[in-house]
Amino acid sequence: MALRHDLPELEEMTHHVAYEHRGLWWFLTVDVPLGSSNERGRLLAALMQQARLEAGLIHLRVLADFLLSSRDERYPLGLVADDYFDDGWPKRPNVVIGKDTNEQKEILDDLHARLAHLSLRRLDKTTVHKGFEWATVMALAPRTLRTFARFVSELKGVHPERATWFADKIPPEALTL
């Protein structure tokens, strides 16, 4: 199987992949205290916390898709972890969030239906989490970052020059969560 994208494109796309990784990592590791004594300030703080959560969830969704998806010729401009290996990621995982593929499917379905679309699923209280809460999803997100670190490590073993493209874009501590 040949590379789907040329090497300069892959190298340039590492900026975008790293952006998604950093966004999720910052969400999980940086606490942003937002407090105020007046009602308008409290409302603004609540809106900012919601926006911060939604941004973290979008980064999680994009990274999960990047790590889990295989090359799909229906989306020739798409980019997945497989694309950084000549013949695809040989040890691509089946699970990057949740305890197993069933829980992961529920979580990803929730991410797609609740976050990216207006859906009646937002009314559904019978999800895998029995009264869905985003905090439960985000508690599972560090596994996604650890899987990304594994992707970079395995890429380094096969194509060290490609792995270095990520080195200056992702802080080393962000690969050890």
Protein backbone atom coordinates (compact mmCIF):
# COMPACT_ATOMS: atom_id res chain seq x y z
CA MET A 1 0.00 0.00 0.00
CA ALA A 2 1.48 3.34 -1.00
CA LEU A 3 1.27 6.57 0.96
CA ARG A 4 -2.00 8.35 0.30
CA HIS A 5 -0.49 11.82 0.81
CA ASP A 6 2.96 13.07 -0.09
CA LEU A 7 5.51 13.63 2.68
CA PRO A 8 5.44 17.47 2.57
CA GLU A 9 1.64 17.36 3.05
CA LEU A 10 1.97 14.94 5.95
CA GLU A 11 4.61 17.11 7.56
CA GLU A 12 2.49 20.23 7.15
CA MET A 13 -0.55 18.46 8.60
CA THR A 14 1.35 17.69 11.82
CA HIS A 15 0.62 21.31 12.82
CA HIS A 16 -3.10 20.53 12.69
CA VAL A 17 -2.82 17.12 14.38
CA ALA A 18 -0.68 18.67 17.14
CA TYR A 19 -3.23 21.47 17.57
CA GLU A 20 -5.95 18.90 18.33
CA HIS A 21 -3.65 17.05 20.75
CA ARG A 22 -2.61 20.25 22.55
CA GLY A 23 -6.22 21.40 22.79
CA LEU A 24 -7.28 18.20 24.54
CA TRP A 25 -4.16 18.11 26.72
CA TRP A 26 -4.60 21.73 27.82
CA PHE A 27 -8.25 21.07 28.63
CA LEU A 28 -7.30 18.12 30.83
CA THR A 29 -4.30 19.69 32.56
CA VAL A 30 -4.88 23.44 32.87
CA ASP A 31 -7.39 24.73 35.38
CA VAL A 32 -8.89 28.06 34.44
CA PRO A 33 -10.51 29.66 37.49
CA LEU A 34 -13.37 31.83 36.38
CA GLY A 35 -15.07 33.56 39.26
CA SER A 36 -16.93 36.78 39.79
CA SER A 37 -19.00 38.40 42.46
CA ASN A 38 -21.69 39.88 40.23
CA GLU A 39 -24.42 38.09 38.30
CA ARG A 40 -23.13 39.08 34.86
CA GLY A 41 -19.63 37.86 35.76
CA ARG A 42 -21.01 34.54 37.03
CA LEU A 43 -23.00 34.09 33.82
CA LEU A 44 -19.92 34.88 31.72
CA ALA A 45 -17.87 32.42 33.80
CA ALA A 46 -20.49 29.68 33.25
CA LEU A 47 -20.53 30.37 29.49
CA MET A 48 -16.72 30.27 29.35
CA GLN A 49 -16.64 26.96 31.22
CA GLN A 50 -19.19 25.54 28.77
CA ALA A 51 -17.19 26.80 25.78
CA ARG A 52 -14.02 25.31 27.27
CA LEU A 53 -15.76 21.95 27.75
CA GLU A 54 -17.13 21.95 24.20
CA ALA A 55 -13.70 22.79 22.78
CA GLY A 56 -12.14 19.93 24.75
CA LEU A 57 -14.81 17.53 23.51
CA ILE A 58 -14.28 18.56 19.90
CA HIS A 59 -10.52 17.98 20.25
CA LEU A 60 -11.30 14.57 21.78
CA ARG A 61 -13.61 13.67 18.90
CA VAL A 62 -11.07 14.69 16.24
CA LEU A 63 -8.19 12.83 17.92
CA ALA A 64 -10.27 9.69 18.41
CA ASP A 65 -11.23 9.70 14.73
CA PHE A 66 -7.59 10.30 13.73
CA LEU A 67 -6.34 7.38 15.84
CA LEU A 68 -9.13 4.87 15.16
CA SER A 69 -9.97 5.38 11.51
CA SER A 70 -8.35 3.52 8.67
CA ARG A 71 -7.66 5.03 5.29
CA ASP A 72 -10.93 5.52 3.45
CA GLU A 73 -10.78 6.19 -0.27
CA ARG A 74 -14.19 7.89 -0.07
CA TYR A 75 -12.37 10.71 1.74
CA PRO A 76 -9.17 11.22 -0.25
CA LEU A 77 -8.35 14.45 1.59
CA GLY A 78 -8.92 12.91 5.01
CA LEU A 79 -6.00 12.32 7.35
CA VAL A 80 -5.67 9.46 9.82
CA ALA A 81 -2.80 8.00 11.82
CA ASP A 82 -2.47 5.23 9.22
CA ASP A 83 -1.33 7.85 6.71
CA TYR A 84 1.96 8.42 8.55
CA PHE A 85 2.98 4.77 7.98
CA ASP A 86 3.71 3.41 4.51
CA ASP A 87 1.37 0.46 4.95
CA GLY A 88 -0.89 1.81 7.68
CA TRP A 89 -0.34 1.77 11.44
CA PRO A 90 0.43 -1.90 12.07
CA LYS A 91 -0.73 -1.85 15.71
CA ARG A 92 -3.60 0.60 15.36
CA PRO A 93 -5.76 0.18 18.46
CA ASN A 94 -9.42 -0.75 18.50
CA VAL A 95 -10.16 1.32 21.62
CA VAL A 96 -8.89 4.80 22.49
CA ILE A 97 -11.61 5.87 24.92
CA GLY A 98 -13.70 3.74 27.25
CA LYS A 99 -13.10 0.25 28.59
CA ASP A 100 -14.04 -1.68 25.43
CA THR A 101 -15.36 -1.24 21.90
CA ASN A 102 -19.00 -1.20 23.06
CA GLU A 103 -18.46 1.62 25.56
CA GLN A 104 -16.30 3.46 23.04
CA LYS A 105 -19.06 3.24 20.42
CA GLU A 106 -21.57 4.72 22.90
CA ILE A 107 -19.19 7.55 23.79
CA LEU A 108 -18.36 8.36 20.17
CA ASP A 109 -22.05 8.19 19.19
CA ASP A 110 -22.73 10.66 22.01
CA LEU A 111 -19.94 12.93 20.84
CA HIS A 112 -21.28 12.94 17.29
CA ALA A 113 -24.97 13.24 18.16
CA ARG A 114 -24.84 15.52 21.21
CA LEU A 115 -21.96 17.79 20.29
CA ALA A 116 -21.82 18.10 16.52
CA HIS A 117 -25.49 17.80 15.63
CA LEU A 118 -28.88 18.77 16.95
CA SER A 119 -30.24 15.38 17.84
CA LEU A 120 -32.94 13.83 19.99
CA ARG A 121 -30.11 11.83 21.55
CA ARG A 122 -29.58 14.92 23.69
CA LEU A 123 -32.84 13.93 25.41
CA ASP A 124 -31.76 10.31 25.93
CA LYS A 125 -31.05 9.46 29.56
CA THR A 126 -30.41 5.78 28.87
CA THR A 127 -26.86 5.99 27.59
CA VAL A 128 -24.09 3.73 28.78
CA HIS A 129 -23.53 6.22 31.61
CA LYS A 130 -27.16 6.08 32.88
CA GLY A 131 -27.80 9.79 32.95
CA PHE A 132 -25.15 11.05 30.60
CA GLU A 133 -22.55 13.55 31.84
CA TRP A 134 -19.69 15.01 29.84
CA ALA A 135 -17.46 14.85 32.91
CA THR A 136 -17.62 11.06 32.69
CA VAL A 137 -16.44 11.18 29.08
CA MET A 138 -13.61 13.58 29.88
CA ALA A 139 -12.42 11.34 32.73
CA LEU A 140 -11.75 8.70 30.06
CA ALA A 141 -9.95 11.10 27.68
CA PRO A 142 -6.40 10.59 29.06
CA ARG A 143 -6.42 7.17 27.40
CA THR A 144 -6.79 8.94 24.06
CA LEU A 145 -3.69 11.05 24.79
CA ARG A 146 -1.74 7.95 25.87
CA THR A 147 -2.74 6.26 22.61
CA PHE A 148 -1.51 9.28 20.69
CA ALA A 149 1.84 9.03 22.52
CA ARG A 150 1.98 5.37 21.50
CA PHE A 151 1.29 6.38 17.88
CA VAL A 152 4.25 8.80 17.93
CA SER A 153 6.49 6.21 19.62
CA GLU A 154 5.63 3.49 17.10
CA LEU A 155 6.05 5.94 14.23
CA LYS A 156 9.50 6.79 15.60
CA GLY A 157 10.44 3.09 15.47
CA VAL A 158 9.57 2.83 11.77
CA HIS A 159 9.99 6.38 10.44
CA PRO A 160 12.00 8.46 12.94
CA GLU A 161 12.10 11.44 10.57
CA ARG A 162 8.29 11.56 10.46
CA ALA A 163 8.02 11.28 14.25
CA THR A 164 10.29 14.33 14.62
CA TRP A 165 7.66 16.41 12.82
CA PHE A 166 5.59 16.14 16.01
CA ALA A 167 8.51 16.77 18.40
CA ASP A 168 8.60 20.57 18.13
CA LYS A 169 4.81 20.94 18.09
CA ILE A 170 3.83 18.92 21.17
CA PRO A 171 5.48 19.53 24.55
CA PRO A 172 7.20 16.34 25.79
CA GLU A 173 5.17 16.40 29.01
CA ALA A 174 1.99 16.27 26.90
CA LEU A 175 3.01 12.81 25.70
CA THR A 176 3.26 11.37 29.22
CA LEU A 177 -0.23 12.02 30.69
